Every structure is written in structure tokens, then in C-alpha cells.
Protein backbone atom coordinates (compact mmCIF):
# COMPACT_ATOMS: atom_id res chain seq x y z
CA MET A 1 144.16 287.08 -27.26
CA ASN A 2 143.60 283.36 -26.85
CA VAL A 3 141.62 281.43 -29.38
CA PRO A 4 139.68 278.49 -27.83
CA LEU A 5 141.08 275.08 -28.71
CA GLU A 6 137.73 273.96 -30.14
CA HIS A 7 137.69 276.80 -32.64
CA ALA A 8 141.21 276.14 -33.81
CA LEU A 9 140.53 272.39 -34.20
CA LEU A 10 137.35 273.18 -36.07
CA LEU A 11 139.31 275.34 -38.45
CA ALA A 12 142.01 272.71 -38.81
CA THR A 13 139.30 270.13 -39.63
CA ALA A 14 137.76 272.38 -42.26
CA VAL A 15 141.14 273.09 -43.88
CA PHE A 16 142.04 269.37 -43.81
CA GLY A 17 138.70 268.57 -45.52
CA ILE A 18 139.44 271.14 -48.24
CA GLY A 19 142.82 269.56 -48.75
CA LEU A 20 141.45 266.07 -48.84
CA SER A 21 138.80 267.02 -51.38
CA CYS A 22 141.44 268.63 -53.49
CA ALA A 23 143.68 265.58 -53.35
CA LEU A 24 140.89 263.08 -54.14
CA ILE A 25 138.91 264.93 -56.83
CA ARG A 26 141.64 266.34 -59.05
CA ARG A 27 143.59 264.03 -61.40
CA GLU A 28 146.53 266.39 -62.04
CA LEU A 29 149.58 265.52 -59.92
CA LEU A 30 150.21 269.16 -59.12
CA PHE A 31 146.77 269.56 -57.58
CA VAL A 32 147.14 266.33 -55.62
CA LEU A 33 150.42 267.62 -54.17
CA LEU A 34 148.71 270.91 -53.32
CA GLY A 35 145.95 269.03 -51.50
CA VAL A 36 148.45 267.04 -49.52
CA GLU A 37 150.28 270.21 -48.60
CA ILE A 38 147.06 271.79 -47.43
CA MET A 39 146.36 268.74 -45.29
CA LEU A 40 149.84 268.94 -43.77
CA CYS A 41 149.22 272.62 -42.93
CA ALA A 42 145.97 271.67 -41.22
CA ALA A 43 147.78 269.13 -39.14
CA GLY A 44 150.36 271.69 -38.25
CA LEU A 45 147.58 274.07 -37.14
CA ALA A 46 146.10 271.40 -34.90
CA LEU A 47 149.59 270.68 -33.39
CA VAL A 48 150.27 274.37 -32.65
CA ALA A 49 146.73 274.96 -31.29
CA GLY A 50 147.06 272.00 -28.91
CA SER A 51 150.50 273.15 -27.93
CA ALA A 52 149.27 276.62 -27.11
CA ALA A 53 146.20 275.35 -25.21
CA TRP A 54 148.29 273.09 -22.90
CA ARG A 55 151.22 275.52 -22.78
CA GLN A 56 153.69 272.82 -23.87
CA PRO A 57 156.33 273.31 -26.68
CA ASP A 58 155.86 269.73 -28.00
CA GLY A 59 153.32 270.70 -30.63
CA GLN A 60 155.59 273.40 -31.98
CA VAL A 61 158.53 270.99 -32.16
CA PHE A 62 156.38 268.47 -34.06
CA TRP A 63 155.28 271.29 -36.36
CA MET A 64 158.92 271.95 -37.29
CA LEU A 65 159.37 268.27 -38.02
CA LEU A 66 156.17 268.39 -40.08
CA LEU A 67 157.65 271.28 -42.14
CA ALA A 68 160.73 269.18 -42.92
CA ILE A 69 158.57 266.26 -43.96
CA ALA A 70 156.43 268.55 -46.14
CA ALA A 71 159.56 269.95 -47.86
CA ALA A 72 160.82 266.48 -48.59
CA GLU A 73 157.32 265.45 -49.92
CA VAL A 74 157.27 268.54 -52.28
CA ALA A 75 160.72 267.77 -53.56
CA VAL A 76 159.92 264.16 -54.39
CA GLY A 77 156.47 265.05 -55.79
CA LEU A 78 157.78 267.86 -58.02
CA SER A 79 160.55 265.65 -59.34
CA LEU A 80 158.01 263.02 -60.24
CA LEU A 81 155.90 265.65 -61.92
CA LEU A 82 158.85 266.93 -63.90
CA HIS A 83 159.82 263.48 -65.01
CA LEU A 84 156.25 262.64 -65.99
CA HIS A 85 155.88 265.87 -67.90
CA ARG A 86 159.18 265.32 -69.84
CA ARG A 87 158.22 261.72 -70.75
CA ARG A 88 154.48 261.90 -71.38
CA ARG A 89 153.66 265.62 -71.75
CA THR A 90 150.98 265.31 -69.15
CA GLY A 91 150.56 265.70 -65.41
CA ASP A 92 147.77 263.13 -65.01
CA VAL A 93 148.17 260.83 -62.00
CA ASP A 94 147.10 257.79 -64.04
CA GLU A 95 150.15 258.20 -66.27
CA LEU A 96 152.54 257.57 -63.32
CA ARG A 97 151.99 253.85 -63.77
CA SER A 98 153.51 254.09 -67.26
CA LEU A 99 156.83 255.29 -65.74
CA ARG A 100 157.32 252.08 -63.76
CA GLY A 101 159.59 250.38 -66.33
CA GLU A 102 161.66 253.39 -67.27
């Protein structure tokens, strides 16, 4: 069963919008990271859908690269969150500025 490219891209756009709203509205670092991860998943969906529509493996290869980038982003983000929580007992994004001199 083939899903039309337009439907897959529409779904990817909707998922990206959900992730963007999550990243912009919430002030907790964990929810911002979650929103960024949702946006990366939407980009991966668009890559794989385009790859399937044109029958080229390039989109799937880029999706694997995107997974590696997402894993690195999660590692850095969670380490920042852990450091922020240990120092300030909060996960607020605005408190990240206070860690600059430490």
C-alpha cells in the first residue's frame, strides 16, 4: 500500500507544527527538548516519504544521519538539564543563563 506523498508531507507538517509549538510555548528544558525531538521526527518522516515516492535510498540514508544527530542533541540537552537541576533545582530555560560563569 502506497501512501501519497502529499499525505505524508501533510502529516509531517502537522507533526512539525506540534513540536514547534511545544518547543516555543513551554519554559521547561525537558519539554523544549521533547519539542525539538518531535520536529526531528517530522523531518525524518518527510525524508523517508520523499525517498519512497521517488524510489531513491537517499532519504533513508539522511534519516539515519538525522537519528545520530538527534541522539547527540539528546545527550547534550539532558546533560545541560541535569547540571541545571543540580545547581539551581529547576529546569527553567531562563535559568540556563545563570550557568554561564560556572
